Amino acid sequence: MPSRRPPLLSEASFASIRQRVMQATGVQLADDRRTVIATRLHKRLKALGLASFEHYLDLLDSPQGTNEHEQLLRLLVARDSYFFREHRHFECLASWLAELDHPVRLWSAACATGEEAWSLAMVAAEKARHPGWEVLASDFDPQLLESADNGIYDIAQARYFPEGWLTRHCLCDVGEMAGRLCIAQPLRERVRFQAINLIRPMPAYLGSFDVILLRNLLSSLAPRYKSEVLQHLLAHLRPGGLLIIGHSESVHAPGLPLRPLLPSVFERL
């Protein structure tokens, strides 16, 4: 018997899905992602026993659709992450932190599965001149944050660590942790995970930060949200603090109080 062909993701259904994702997260799914998105969602349709994308959209609009909407965002707004990604940023931070003689607050604003936040914490633990430092790690997805907060990763990620840091900051490949690494307790006490949607107004109680990392998200935001997100974050970045974006990203927002220091590294004026 021939295999059943997957349902067609029509232009109208694709436009509806793109609009939902953008309104919820600010992320603009590219036109050329239609086939990839159809493939990912087809697996979801099969799991739910739905015959078409139109039926899936009906589910999203139903009273039972809240949880499925979260699942949709999780499927389509996933970001790759690994420890010490774009390592030059962490080298820059190490030098900068070594010069500061006051407590430091660092924010991984789109932390995904947490590797960036834990990398920040390790750099601070190793290089910060002042012992008083803390890291906030945020993402829009509470389920993703729960995984990040667990601090457990495949041992293959150990290859990204600077020499000696793995054994100082992680428990590795022993007992129940066979094949995995686990962030050690001293770091865990310094990192707080919180669900924050960057396209919404920031809670005032967040306070101010010395460093904000917003890497590899700006390039996927719809134009109308890029400046808005930057303004939200800069309201919580101290003058003289650092904003770090992805190496392949740029900031084109006239009037923002930023001065470029290095490629993808900016100082708050």
C-alpha atoms as a PDB file:
ATOM      1  CA  MET A   1       0.000   0.000   0.000  1.00  0.00           C
ATOM      2  CA  PRO A   2       1.483   3.420  -0.916  1.00  0.00           C
ATOM      3  CA  SER A   3       2.387   5.655   2.010  1.00  0.00           C
ATOM      4  CA  ARG A   4      -0.017   8.446   2.800  1.00  0.00           C
ATOM      5  CA  ARG A   5       1.182  11.809   1.523  1.00  0.00           C
ATOM      6  CA  PRO A   6       1.533  14.554   4.133  1.00  0.00           C
ATOM      7  CA  PRO A   7      -1.142  17.253   4.070  1.00  0.00           C
ATOM      8  CA  LEU A   8      -0.411  20.418   2.122  1.00  0.00           C
ATOM      9  CA  LEU A   9       0.525  23.555   4.044  1.00  0.00           C
ATOM     10  CA  SER A  10      -1.374  26.122   2.024  1.00  0.00           C
ATOM     11  CA  GLU A  11      -0.192  29.690   1.632  1.00  0.00           C
ATOM     12  CA  ALA A  12      -3.053  30.893   3.831  1.00  0.00           C
ATOM     13  CA  SER A  13      -2.256  28.394   6.608  1.00  0.00           C
ATOM     14  CA  PHE A  14       1.442  29.226   6.432  1.00  0.00           C
ATOM     15  CA  ALA A  15       0.625  32.941   6.703  1.00  0.00           C
ATOM     16  CA  SER A  16      -1.586  32.264   9.726  1.00  0.00           C
ATOM     17  CA  ILE A  17       1.133  30.251  11.472  1.00  0.00           C
ATOM     18  CA  ARG A  18       3.743  32.925  10.742  1.00  0.00           C
ATOM     19  CA  GLN A  19       1.451  35.614  12.145  1.00  0.00           C
ATOM     20  CA  ARG A  20       0.808  33.660  15.344  1.00  0.00           C
ATOM     21  CA  VAL A  21       4.511  33.084  15.925  1.00  0.00           C
ATOM     22  CA  MET A  22       5.365  36.730  15.263  1.00  0.00           C
ATOM     23  CA  GLN A  23       2.653  38.089  17.546  1.00  0.00           C
ATOM     24  CA  ALA A  24       3.747  35.793  20.369  1.00  0.00           C
ATOM     25  CA  THR A  25       7.538  36.084  20.090  1.00  0.00           C
ATOM     26  CA  GLY A  26       8.444  38.736  17.517  1.00  0.00           C
ATOM     27  CA  VAL A  27      10.153  36.075  15.393  1.00  0.00           C
ATOM     28  CA  GLN A  28       9.501  36.322  11.659  1.00  0.00           C
ATOM     29  CA  LEU A  29       9.615  32.933   9.984  1.00  0.00           C
ATOM     30  CA  ALA A  30      11.250  33.274   6.576  1.00  0.00           C
ATOM     31  CA  ASP A  31       9.350  32.516   3.378  1.00  0.00           C
ATOM     32  CA  ASP A  32      11.823  29.792   2.461  1.00  0.00           C
ATOM     33  CA  ARG A  33      11.110  27.931   5.728  1.00  0.00           C
ATOM     34  CA  ARG A  34       7.691  26.787   4.566  1.00  0.00           C
ATOM     35  CA  THR A  35       8.772  23.228   3.719  1.00  0.00           C
ATOM     36  CA  VAL A  36      10.735  22.833   6.960  1.00  0.00           C
ATOM     37  CA  ILE A  37       7.804  24.140   8.992  1.00  0.00           C
ATOM     38  CA  ALA A  38       5.378  21.832   7.192  1.00  0.00           C
ATOM     39  CA  THR A  39       7.609  18.848   7.993  1.00  0.00           C
ATOM     40  CA  ARG A  40       7.872  19.731  11.673  1.00  0.00           C
ATOM     41  CA  LEU A  41       4.164  20.362  12.049  1.00  0.00           C
ATOM     42  CA  HIS A  42       3.208  17.247  10.077  1.00  0.00           C
ATOM     43  CA  LYS A  43       4.712  15.146  12.866  1.00  0.00           C
ATOM     44  CA  ARG A  44       2.601  17.106  15.326  1.00  0.00           C
ATOM     45  CA  LEU A  45      -0.541  16.576  13.268  1.00  0.00           C
ATOM     46  CA  LYS A  46       0.080  12.822  13.250  1.00  0.00           C
ATOM     47  CA  ALA A  47       0.549  12.807  17.020  1.00  0.00           C
ATOM     48  CA  LEU A  48      -2.748  14.663  17.460  1.00  0.00           C
ATOM     49  CA  GLY A  49      -4.635  12.591  14.872  1.00  0.00           C
ATOM     50  CA  LEU A  50      -5.451  15.638  12.732  1.00  0.00           C
ATOM     51  CA  ALA A  51      -5.960  15.365   8.979  1.00  0.00           C
ATOM     52  CA  SER A  52      -4.975  18.860   7.868  1.00  0.00           C
ATOM     53  CA  PHE A  53      -3.231  22.055   8.862  1.00  0.00           C
ATOM     54  CA  GLU A  54      -6.604  23.779   8.784  1.00  0.00           C
ATOM     55  CA  HIS A  55      -7.799  21.415  11.525  1.00  0.00           C
ATOM     56  CA  TYR A  56      -4.633  22.228  13.451  1.00  0.00           C
ATOM     57  CA  LEU A  57      -5.373  25.957  13.218  1.00  0.00           C
ATOM     58  CA  ASP A  58      -8.904  25.268  14.459  1.00  0.00           C
ATOM     59  CA  LEU A  59      -7.392  23.505  17.470  1.00  0.00           C
ATOM     60  CA  LEU A  60      -5.152  26.497  18.181  1.00  0.00           C
ATOM     61  CA  ASP A  61      -8.223  28.752  18.172  1.00  0.00           C
ATOM     62  CA  SER A  62     -10.234  26.489  20.464  1.00  0.00           C
ATOM     63  CA  PRO A  63     -10.442  26.751  24.277  1.00  0.00           C
ATOM     64  CA  GLN A  64      -8.080  23.750  24.417  1.00  0.00           C
ATOM     65  CA  GLY A  65      -5.526  25.479  22.210  1.00  0.00           C
ATOM     66  CA  THR A  66      -3.402  27.263  24.831  1.00  0.00           C
ATOM     67  CA  ASN A  67      -1.085  24.350  25.521  1.00  0.00           C
ATOM     68  CA  GLU A  68      -0.828  23.529  21.829  1.00  0.00           C
ATOM     69  CA  HIS A  69       0.082  27.124  21.054  1.00  0.00           C
ATOM     70  CA  GLU A  70       3.026  26.785  23.436  1.00  0.00           C
ATOM     71  CA  GLN A  71       4.007  23.574  21.655  1.00  0.00           C
ATOM     72  CA  LEU A  72       3.816  25.343  18.288  1.00  0.00           C
ATOM     73  CA  LEU A  73       6.208  28.056  19.454  1.00  0.00           C
ATOM     74  CA  ARG A  74       8.546  25.461  20.917  1.00  0.00           C
ATOM     75  CA  LEU A  75       8.685  23.628  17.588  1.00  0.00           C
ATOM     76  CA  LEU A  76       9.228  26.653  15.379  1.00  0.00           C
ATOM     77  CA  VAL A  77      11.327  29.054  17.462  1.00  0.00           C
ATOM     78  CA  ALA A  78      14.005  26.588  18.549  1.00  0.00           C
ATOM     79  CA  ARG A  79      17.553  28.003  18.654  1.00  0.00           C
ATOM     80  CA  ASP A  80      20.813  26.085  18.579  1.00  0.00           C
ATOM     81  CA  SER A  81      23.017  26.576  21.613  1.00  0.00           C
ATOM     82  CA  TYR A  82      26.249  25.208  23.000  1.00  0.00           C
ATOM     83  CA  PHE A  83      28.806  26.164  25.631  1.00  0.00           C
ATOM     84  CA  PHE A  84      31.105  29.106  24.854  1.00  0.00           C
ATOM     85  CA  ARG A  85      29.553  29.660  21.453  1.00  0.00           C
ATOM     86  CA  GLU A  86      31.301  32.544  19.651  1.00  0.00           C
ATOM     87  CA  HIS A  87      34.162  32.255  22.122  1.00  0.00           C
ATOM     88  CA  ARG A  88      35.610  35.699  21.350  1.00  0.00           C
ATOM     89  CA  HIS A  89      32.702  37.233  23.230  1.00  0.00           C
ATOM     90  CA  PHE A  90      33.692  35.344  26.357  1.00  0.00           C
ATOM     91  CA  GLU A  91      37.339  36.330  25.935  1.00  0.00           C
ATOM     92  CA  CYS A  92      36.225  39.970  25.737  1.00  0.00           C
ATOM     93  CA  LEU A  93      34.071  39.555  28.831  1.00  0.00           C
ATOM     94  CA  ALA A  94      36.883  37.898  30.769  1.00  0.00           C
ATOM     95  CA  SER A  95      39.154  40.904  30.208  1.00  0.00           C
ATOM     96  CA  TRP A  96      36.368  43.372  30.980  1.00  0.00           C
ATOM     97  CA  LEU A  97      35.273  41.653  34.208  1.00  0.00           C
ATOM     98  CA  ALA A  98      38.838  41.495  35.473  1.00  0.00           C
ATOM     99  CA  GLU A  99      38.919  45.317  35.559  1.00  0.00           C
ATOM    100  CA  LEU A 100      35.715  45.914  37.531  1.00  0.00           C
ATOM    101  CA  ASP A 101      35.938  46.387  41.287  1.00  0.00           C
ATOM    102  CA  HIS A 102      32.204  46.247  42.052  1.00  0.00           C
ATOM    103  CA  PRO A 103      29.478  43.558  42.038  1.00  0.00           C
ATOM    104  CA  VAL A 104      28.396  42.606  38.529  1.00  0.00           C
ATOM    105  CA  ARG A 105      25.021  41.551  37.127  1.00  0.00           C
ATOM    106  CA  LEU A 106      24.911  39.697  33.806  1.00  0.00           C
ATOM    107  CA  TRP A 107      21.843  38.817  31.746  1.00  0.00           C
ATOM    108  CA  SER A 108      21.531  36.092  29.130  1.00  0.00           C
ATOM    109  CA  ALA A 109      18.353  37.504  27.604  1.00  0.00           C
ATOM    110  CA  ALA A 110      17.526  34.679  25.168  1.00  0.00           C
ATOM    111  CA  CYS A 111      19.175  31.755  26.918  1.00  0.00           C
ATOM    112  CA  ALA A 112      17.389  28.880  25.121  1.00  0.00           C
ATOM    113  CA  THR A 113      18.619  25.643  26.757  1.00  0.00           C
ATOM    114  CA  GLY A 114      20.973  27.467  29.111  1.00  0.00           C
ATOM    115  CA  GLU A 115      24.474  26.898  27.774  1.00  0.00           C
ATOM    116  CA  GLU A 116      25.079  30.623  27.287  1.00  0.00           C
ATOM    117  CA  ALA A 117      24.015  31.451  30.840  1.00  0.00           C
ATOM    118  CA  TRP A 118      26.234  28.773  32.371  1.00  0.00           C
ATOM    119  CA  SER A 119      29.127  29.911  30.171  1.00  0.00           C
ATOM    120  CA  LEU A 120      28.641  33.454  31.492  1.00  0.00           C
ATOM    121  CA  ALA A 121      28.674  32.146  35.041  1.00  0.00           C
ATOM    122  CA  MET A 122      31.907  30.230  34.479  1.00  0.00           C
ATOM    123  CA  VAL A 123      33.623  33.288  33.009  1.00  0.00           C
ATOM    124  CA  ALA A 124      32.507  35.361  35.992  1.00  0.00           C
ATOM    125  CA  ALA A 125      33.636  32.692  38.458  1.00  0.00           C
ATOM    126  CA  GLU A 126      37.035  32.461  36.800  1.00  0.00           C
ATOM    127  CA  LYS A 127      37.751  36.069  35.843  1.00  0.00           C
ATOM    128  CA  ALA A 128      35.617  38.580  37.757  1.00  0.00           C
ATOM    129  CA  ARG A 129      37.730  40.803  39.987  1.00  0.00           C
ATOM    130  CA  HIS A 130      34.877  41.297  42.466  1.00  0.00           C
ATOM    131  CA  PRO A 131      33.392  38.135  44.035  1.00  0.00           C
ATOM    132  CA  GLY A 132      29.869  39.554  44.018  1.00  0.00           C
ATOM    133  CA  TRP A 133      28.316  38.581  40.701  1.00  0.00           C
ATOM    134  CA  GLU A 134      25.055  37.036  39.513  1.00  0.00           C
ATOM    135  CA  VAL A 135      23.481  35.888  36.261  1.00  0.00           C
ATOM    136  CA  LEU A 136      19.878  36.197  35.099  1.00  0.00           C
ATOM    137  CA  ALA A 137      18.879  33.811  32.308  1.00  0.00           C
ATOM    138  CA  SER A 138      15.590  34.323  30.487  1.00  0.00           C
ATOM    139  CA  ASP A 139      13.562  32.913  27.629  1.00  0.00           C
ATOM    140  CA  PHE A 140       9.901  33.005  26.635  1.00  0.00           C
ATOM    141  CA  ASP A 141       9.424  29.239  27.106  1.00  0.00           C
ATOM    142  CA  PRO A 142       9.015  28.007  30.721  1.00  0.00           C
ATOM    143  CA  GLN A 143       9.572  24.383  29.674  1.00  0.00           C
ATOM    144  CA  LEU A 144      12.869  25.291  28.033  1.00  0.00           C
ATOM    145  CA  LEU A 145      13.903  27.177  31.168  1.00  0.00           C
ATOM    146  CA  GLU A 146      13.119  24.173  33.339  1.00  0.00           C
ATOM    147  CA  SER A 147      15.505  22.092  31.245  1.00  0.00           C
ATOM    148  CA  ALA A 148      18.151  24.841  31.399  1.00  0.00           C
ATOM    149  CA  ASP A 149      17.803  25.153  35.164  1.00  0.00           C
ATOM    150  CA  ASN A 150      18.446  21.419  35.537  1.00  0.00           C
ATOM    151  CA  GLY A 151      21.926  22.086  34.170  1.00  0.00           C
ATOM    152  CA  ILE A 152      22.391  18.615  32.662  1.00  0.00           C
ATOM    153  CA  TYR A 153      23.915  18.209  29.181  1.00  0.00           C
ATOM    154  CA  ASP A 154      25.424  15.588  26.919  1.00  0.00           C
ATOM    155  CA  ILE A 155      29.086  14.980  27.750  1.00  0.00           C
ATOM    156  CA  ALA A 156      29.929  15.739  24.094  1.00  0.00           C
ATOM    157  CA  GLN A 157      29.558  19.425  24.981  1.00  0.00           C
ATOM    158  CA  ALA A 158      32.695  19.125  27.124  1.00  0.00           C
ATOM    159  CA  ARG A 159      34.797  19.750  24.018  1.00  0.00           C
ATOM    160  CA  TYR A 160      33.854  23.423  24.055  1.00  0.00           C
ATOM    161  CA  PHE A 161      35.202  24.127  27.558  1.00  0.00           C
ATOM    162  CA  PRO A 162      38.482  25.969  28.218  1.00  0.00           C
ATOM    163  CA  GLU A 163      41.116  23.696  29.710  1.00  0.00           C
ATOM    164  CA  GLY A 164      40.456  22.889  33.353  1.00  0.00           C
ATOM    165  CA  TRP A 165      37.059  24.565  33.541  1.00  0.00           C
ATOM    166  CA  LEU A 166      35.012  21.409  33.084  1.00  0.00           C
ATOM    167  CA  THR A 167      36.342  19.698  36.196  1.00  0.00           C
ATOM    168  CA  ARG A 168      36.098  22.891  38.255  1.00  0.00           C
ATOM    169  CA  HIS A 169      32.505  23.699  37.380  1.00  0.00           C
ATOM    170  CA  CYS A 170      30.796  20.418  36.469  1.00  0.00           C
ATOM    171  CA  LEU A 171      30.240  16.869  37.625  1.00  0.00           C
ATOM    172  CA  CYS A 172      30.982  14.607  34.689  1.00  0.00           C
ATOM    173  CA  ASP A 173      30.342  11.111  33.418  1.00  0.00           C
ATOM    174  CA  VAL A 174      30.097   9.360  36.800  1.00  0.00           C
ATOM    175  CA  GLY A 175      27.393   7.192  38.342  1.00  0.00           C
ATOM    176  CA  GLU A 176      23.953   8.401  37.332  1.00  0.00           C
ATOM    177  CA  MET A 177      25.648  11.088  35.246  1.00  0.00           C
ATOM    178  CA  ALA A 178      27.257   8.604  32.832  1.00  0.00           C
ATOM    179  CA  GLY A 179      27.446  10.227  29.414  1.00  0.00           C
ATOM    180  CA  ARG A 180      26.418  13.600  30.795  1.00  0.00           C
ATOM    181  CA  LEU A 181      27.793  16.662  32.528  1.00  0.00           C
ATOM    182  CA  CYS A 182      26.019  18.504  35.323  1.00  0.00           C
ATOM    183  CA  ILE A 183      26.621  22.081  36.444  1.00  0.00           C
ATOM    184  CA  ALA A 184      28.071  22.098  39.965  1.00  0.00           C
ATOM    185  CA  GLN A 185      26.229  23.657  42.895  1.00  0.00           C
ATOM    186  CA  PRO A 186      28.431  26.771  43.399  1.00  0.00           C
ATOM    187  CA  LEU A 187      27.488  27.996  39.921  1.00  0.00           C
ATOM    188  CA  ARG A 188      23.855  26.997  40.291  1.00  0.00           C
ATOM    189  CA  GLU A 189      23.556  29.286  43.311  1.00  0.00           C
ATOM    190  CA  ARG A 190      24.547  32.292  41.175  1.00  0.00           C
ATOM    191  CA  VAL A 191      22.233  31.782  38.171  1.00  0.00           C
ATOM    192  CA  ARG A 192      18.497  32.508  38.199  1.00  0.00           C
ATOM    193  CA  PHE A 193      16.154  31.446  35.387  1.00  0.00           C
ATOM    194  CA  GLN A 194      13.014  33.445  34.644  1.00  0.00           C
ATOM    195  CA  ALA A 195      10.401  33.405  31.883  1.00  0.00           C
ATOM    196  CA  ILE A 196      10.512  36.778  30.095  1.00  0.00           C
ATOM    197  CA  ASN A 197       9.072  37.666  26.701  1.00  0.00           C
ATOM    198  CA  LEU A 198      11.376  40.320  25.263  1.00  0.00           C
ATOM    199  CA  ILE A 199       8.719  41.911  23.054  1.00  0.00           C
ATOM    200  CA  ARG A 200       6.641  42.762  26.120  1.00  0.00           C
ATOM    201  CA  PRO A 201       7.469  45.551  28.604  1.00  0.00           C
ATOM    202  CA  MET A 202      10.112  44.424  31.083  1.00  0.00           C
ATOM    203  CA  PRO A 203       9.215  44.046  34.771  1.00  0.00           C
ATOM    204  CA  ALA A 204      10.627  47.047  36.650  1.00  0.00           C
ATOM    205  CA  TYR A 205      11.941  44.837  39.451  1.00  0.00           C
ATOM    206  CA  LEU A 206      14.587  43.374  37.135  1.00  0.00           C
ATOM    207  CA  GLY A 207      16.847  46.298  37.996  1.00  0.00           C
ATOM    208  CA  SER A 208      19.998  47.197  36.088  1.00  0.00           C
ATOM    209  CA  PHE A 209      22.707  45.030  34.538  1.00  0.00           C
ATOM    210  CA  ASP A 210      26.349  45.487  33.629  1.00  0.00           C
ATOM    211  CA  VAL A 211      26.247  43.029  30.718  1.00  0.00           C
ATOM    212  CA  ILE A 212      23.370  41.893  28.503  1.00  0.00           C
ATOM    213  CA  LEU A 213      23.794  39.160  25.899  1.00  0.00           C
ATOM    214  CA  LEU A 214      21.212  39.088  23.110  1.00  0.00           C
ATOM    215  CA  ARG A 215      22.866  36.780  20.618  1.00  0.00           C
ATOM    216  CA  ASN A 216      21.424  35.184  17.502  1.00  0.00           C
ATOM    217  CA  LEU A 217      17.903  36.455  18.054  1.00  0.00           C
ATOM    218  CA  LEU A 218      17.878  39.932  16.500  1.00  0.00           C
ATOM    219  CA  SER A 219      18.369  38.502  13.015  1.00  0.00           C
ATOM    220  CA  SER A 220      15.167  36.469  13.299  1.00  0.00           C
ATOM    221  CA  LEU A 221      12.952  39.264  14.677  1.00  0.00           C
ATOM    222  CA  ALA A 222      10.467  41.094  12.484  1.00  0.00           C
ATOM    223  CA  PRO A 223      11.689  44.646  11.766  1.00  0.00           C
ATOM    224  CA  ARG A 224       8.969  46.235  13.896  1.00  0.00           C
ATOM    225  CA  TYR A 225      10.213  44.351  16.965  1.00  0.00           C
ATOM    226  CA  LYS A 226      13.987  44.785  16.677  1.00  0.00           C
ATOM    227  CA  SER A 227      14.142  48.366  17.917  1.00  0.00           C
ATOM    228  CA  GLU A 228      11.463  47.642  20.507  1.00  0.00           C
ATOM    229  CA  VAL A 229      13.390  44.736  22.022  1.00  0.00           C
ATOM    230  CA  LEU A 230      16.612  46.742  22.091  1.00  0.00           C
ATOM    231  CA  GLN A 231      14.864  49.624  23.839  1.00  0.00           C
ATOM    232  CA  HIS A 232      13.404  47.251  26.432  1.00  0.00           C
ATOM    233  CA  LEU A 233      16.836  45.817  27.186  1.00  0.00           C
ATOM    234  CA  LEU A 234      18.752  49.098  27.167  1.00  0.00           C
ATOM    235  CA  ALA A 235      16.384  50.445  29.805  1.00  0.00           C
ATOM    236  CA  HIS A 236      18.001  47.849  32.097  1.00  0.00           C
ATOM    237  CA  LEU A 237      21.623  48.273  30.989  1.00  0.00           C
ATOM    238  CA  ARG A 238      23.752  50.589  33.103  1.00  0.00           C
ATOM    239  CA  PRO A 239      25.714  53.393  31.403  1.00  0.00           C
ATOM    240  CA  GLY A 240      29.116  51.927  30.599  1.00  0.00           C
ATOM    241  CA  GLY A 241      27.649  48.423  30.449  1.00  0.00           C
ATOM    242  CA  LEU A 242      28.015  46.040  27.516  1.00  0.00           C
ATOM    243  CA  LEU A 243      25.433  44.820  25.020  1.00  0.00           C
ATOM    244  CA  ILE A 244      26.646  41.785  23.074  1.00  0.00           C
ATOM    245  CA  ILE A 245      24.848  40.486  19.985  1.00  0.00           C
ATOM    246  CA  GLY A 246      25.656  37.640  17.588  1.00  0.00           C
ATOM    247  CA  HIS A 247      28.709  37.908  15.335  1.00  0.00           C
ATOM    248  CA  SER A 248      26.537  37.818  12.214  1.00  0.00           C
ATOM    249  CA  GLU A 249      24.060  40.408  13.535  1.00  0.00           C
ATOM    250  CA  SER A 250      23.987  44.188  13.444  1.00  0.00           C
ATOM    251  CA  VAL A 251      22.234  47.073  15.170  1.00  0.00           C
ATOM    252  CA  HIS A 252      20.585  49.623  12.890  1.00  0.00           C
ATOM    253  CA  ALA A 253      18.454  51.727  15.201  1.00  0.00           C
ATOM    254  CA  PRO A 254      19.236  55.451  15.077  1.00  0.00           C
ATOM    255  CA  GLY A 255      19.026  57.191  18.412  1.00  0.00           C
ATOM    256  CA  LEU A 256      19.883  54.220  20.594  1.00  0.00           C
ATOM    257  CA  PRO A 257      22.450  55.140  23.282  1.00  0.00           C
ATOM    258  CA  LEU A 258      25.103  52.704  22.056  1.00  0.00           C
ATOM    259  CA  ARG A 259      28.729  53.025  21.025  1.00  0.00           C
ATOM    260  CA  PRO A 260      30.452  50.174  19.157  1.00  0.00           C
ATOM    261  CA  LEU A 261      33.521  48.822  20.947  1.00  0.00           C
ATOM    262  CA  LEU A 262      34.225  45.686  18.930  1.00  0.00           C
ATOM    263  CA  PRO A 263      32.316  43.823  16.224  1.00  0.00           C
ATOM    264  CA  SER A 264      29.003  42.815  17.888  1.00  0.00           C
ATOM    265  CA  VAL A 265      29.981  44.442  21.233  1.00  0.00           C
ATOM    266  CA  PHE A 266      28.476  47.808  22.221  1.00  0.00           C
ATOM    267  CA  GLU A 267      28.826  50.133  25.209  1.00  0.00           C
ATOM    268  CA  ARG A 268      25.746  51.773  26.730  1.00  0.00           C
ATOM    269  CA  LEU A 269      26.138  55.564  26.769  1.00  0.00           C
END
